[in-house]
């Protein structure tokens, strides 16, 4: 009998303990719900208060000034006097019937202050044209001919290769002349040809002079045929065995061309 009473009391204690735990859980959940509800109500009240404050500030703001109330400055009705243009004197008549009339220059008239101002356009620079003939840039024997159809022997390099230029023997200090009229488009220092000058002679033809020094002209200069470009310098290490020389190359549209076809024989 005592064991049954003990077991019965132990079961009651577990039930009571479970009920207490359940009551605690329910109380906590209820408190959490109430707290969130109050927090939401506070947020809604704060939002409503802010909206009310914003509406009040908008209503109290001063209205923008109407466009019609802007006063424009008065414009004087007095017109500026137009400049008087005195008639030009009539040019004297030219009774010389044999005189040729001067060619008319192209002009461009622009209205300025009610009168026309004539602007004369700058005359176009003459276009280079290759005559089809060259003169020898210096007197000397040809050490190596132009050869682009078969390779030739280069003694200094000890190899056979194509030669896009004429190698003309010379002495140091010999004057080098322009083989044709043209413009200097480039002056450069090249490892193989030393101080080098490139000239545009028109119709897509260019002449290149290498192994030079003491130049008499700068880039952009115009030379006539026979003008002295400079003098022959010491040969570079690529032509040490060939000796002092002038490197003379001709190109058409950047393609090597045989200059002997245009030089007097």
Foldseek 3Di string as FASTA:
>chain_A
DVVVVVVVVVVVVVVVVVVVVVVVVVVVVVVVVVVVVVVVVVVVVVVVVVVVVVVVVVVPDDDDDDPVPDDDDDDDPDDDDQDDDDDDDDDDDDPPPPDDDDDDFDWDWDDDSNDTDIDTDDDDDDAFDDPLAWEAQFDFAWLDFQFDPFWDAQVLVRDTDGHLWTWGDDDWFAWTWGRAKFFWADWDADQQFGTKTWTDRHQQKIKMKGQFDDAPDDHGDIDGGGHTGGTHHWGHSSCVVVGGTITIWMDHNNHRDGNVSRYDD
